[in-house]
Amino acid sequence: EVQLQASGGGLVQAGGSLRLSCATSGMTFDDYAIGWFRQAPGKDHEMISCITPSNRNTVYADSVKGRFTISSDNAKNTVYLQMNALKPDDTAVYYCAAVWALTAAQAMGITFEKYDYWGQGTLVTVSS
């Protein structure tokens, strides 16, 4: 059974940092692109970053470029999202998701619902 477990959310002041983790199991890690989405109250899911662990190619949304860094630890089948210079607008539930056999760029362009597997979400709250 494929499982994605997102963790690391919390409450942080504006300008602070958090690192989210997405631990995967039951899947061949290198065969997937792993994306991070977020959903703010009343809004749709927003894709913010994606990585293909097989070659560590990464893609970022403009809203987080230069502040967030996605990475993977292939030995642990885990993807991380380092979030720096956080703003109140970053407040959302953050989800990781996996899609089979796409590049990071391709995975960036599809919606949350079209991914194959999803984690449960972790709440990030940034206070002003």
Protein backbone atom coordinates (compact mmCIF):
# COMPACT_ATOMS: atom_id res chain seq x y z
CA GLU A 1 0.00 0.00 0.00
CA VAL A 2 1.37 3.39 -1.01
CA GLN A 3 1.47 5.95 1.78
CA LEU A 4 2.61 9.56 1.95
CA GLN A 5 3.01 11.12 5.38
CA ALA A 6 3.39 14.90 5.51
CA SER A 7 4.69 16.51 8.69
CA GLY A 8 6.48 19.56 10.02
CA GLY A 9 3.79 22.21 9.97
CA GLY A 10 3.22 24.61 12.81
CA LEU A 11 2.88 28.21 13.90
CA VAL A 12 5.67 30.59 12.97
CA GLN A 13 6.12 34.35 12.87
CA ALA A 14 6.51 36.19 9.59
CA GLY A 15 10.09 35.97 8.42
CA GLY A 16 10.60 32.62 10.09
CA SER A 17 11.31 29.18 8.67
CA LEU A 18 9.84 25.70 8.71
CA ARG A 19 10.82 22.43 7.08
CA LEU A 20 8.13 20.09 5.89
CA SER A 21 8.74 16.41 5.30
CA CYS A 22 6.92 13.94 3.08
CA ALA A 23 7.81 10.37 3.96
CA THR A 24 6.75 7.83 1.37
CA SER A 25 6.38 4.07 1.52
CA GLY A 26 5.07 1.26 -0.66
CA MET A 27 6.25 2.86 -3.90
CA THR A 28 9.33 2.88 -6.10
CA PHE A 29 10.49 6.36 -5.14
CA ASP A 30 12.48 7.03 -8.32
CA ASP A 31 9.48 6.31 -10.55
CA TYR A 32 7.47 9.27 -9.27
CA ALA A 33 7.43 13.02 -9.26
CA ILE A 34 6.63 14.40 -5.81
CA GLY A 35 4.84 17.69 -5.52
CA TRP A 36 3.93 20.03 -2.71
CA PHE A 37 0.57 21.76 -2.87
CA ARG A 38 -1.08 24.12 -0.45
CA GLN A 39 -4.67 25.08 0.15
CA ALA A 40 -5.61 28.27 1.94
CA PRO A 41 -9.11 28.65 3.41
CA GLY A 42 -11.67 29.14 0.66
CA LYS A 43 -9.16 28.63 -2.14
CA ASP A 44 -8.21 25.88 -4.55
CA HIS A 45 -5.08 23.77 -4.22
CA GLU A 46 -2.00 25.67 -5.39
CA MET A 47 0.99 23.75 -6.73
CA ILE A 48 4.13 25.30 -5.27
CA SER A 49 7.01 22.94 -6.02
CA CYS A 50 7.85 19.60 -7.51
CA ILE A 51 10.85 17.26 -7.66
CA THR A 52 11.76 14.09 -9.50
CA PRO A 53 13.95 12.15 -7.04
CA SER A 54 15.54 10.14 -9.85
CA ASN A 55 17.49 13.16 -11.12
CA ARG A 56 16.61 15.76 -8.47
CA ASN A 57 15.15 18.14 -11.06
CA THR A 58 13.03 20.77 -9.35
CA VAL A 59 10.42 23.33 -10.32
CA TYR A 60 8.90 26.16 -8.28
CA ALA A 61 5.88 28.41 -8.50
CA ASP A 62 6.71 32.11 -8.74
CA SER A 63 5.02 32.71 -5.40
CA VAL A 64 7.70 30.72 -3.54
CA LYS A 65 10.74 30.93 -5.82
CA GLY A 66 13.79 32.07 -3.91
CA ARG A 67 12.19 31.38 -0.52
CA PHE A 68 11.35 27.67 -0.62
CA THR A 69 13.66 24.78 -1.48
CA ILE A 70 12.51 21.27 -2.31
CA SER A 71 14.89 18.35 -1.90
CA SER A 72 14.85 14.59 -1.60
CA ASP A 73 16.67 12.02 0.52
CA ASN A 74 16.48 8.99 -1.71
CA ALA A 75 17.84 6.67 0.98
CA LYS A 76 14.89 7.60 3.18
CA ASN A 77 12.30 7.91 0.36
CA THR A 78 11.50 11.33 1.76
CA VAL A 79 10.98 14.73 0.17
CA TYR A 80 11.53 17.96 2.10
CA LEU A 81 10.28 21.50 1.64
CA GLN A 82 12.45 24.09 3.36
CA MET A 83 10.41 27.26 3.72
CA ASN A 84 12.23 30.49 4.57
CA ALA A 85 11.13 34.11 4.80
CA LEU A 86 7.59 32.98 5.48
CA LYS A 87 4.75 35.44 5.00
CA PRO A 88 1.18 35.47 6.35
CA ASP A 89 0.03 34.65 2.78
CA ASP A 90 1.84 31.31 3.09
CA THR A 91 -0.70 30.21 5.69
CA ALA A 92 -2.37 27.06 4.37
CA VAL A 93 -2.64 23.32 4.69
CA TYR A 94 0.32 21.84 2.83
CA TYR A 95 -0.02 18.52 1.03
CA CYS A 96 2.50 16.31 -0.69
CA ALA A 97 1.41 14.15 -3.60
CA ALA A 98 2.99 11.67 -5.99
CA VAL A 99 2.42 11.10 -9.67
CA TRP A 100 3.93 8.28 -11.69
CA ALA A 101 6.31 8.69 -14.61
CA LEU A 102 6.20 12.45 -15.13
CA THR A 103 9.02 14.96 -15.10
CA ALA A 104 8.96 17.69 -12.49
CA ALA A 105 7.93 20.20 -15.13
CA GLN A 106 5.09 17.99 -16.33
CA ALA A 107 3.94 17.29 -12.79
CA MET A 108 3.94 21.01 -12.05
CA GLY A 109 1.35 21.50 -14.76
CA ILE A 110 -1.33 19.07 -13.59
CA THR A 111 -3.92 19.53 -10.91
CA PHE A 112 -3.90 18.06 -7.43
CA GLU A 113 -6.70 15.66 -8.31
CA LYS A 114 -4.70 14.16 -11.17
CA TYR A 115 -1.91 12.97 -8.91
CA ASP A 116 -1.90 9.28 -8.03
CA TYR A 117 -1.34 9.45 -4.26
CA TRP A 118 -1.71 12.14 -1.59
CA GLY A 119 -0.58 12.74 1.96
CA GLN A 120 -2.93 13.93 4.68
CA GLY A 121 -1.80 17.56 4.88
CA THR A 122 0.02 19.58 7.51
CA LEU A 123 -1.07 23.03 8.65
CA VAL A 124 1.29 25.99 8.38
CA THR A 125 0.23 29.19 10.09
CA VAL A 126 2.30 32.34 9.67
CA SER A 127 1.49 35.17 12.05
CA SER A 128 2.18 38.81 11.24
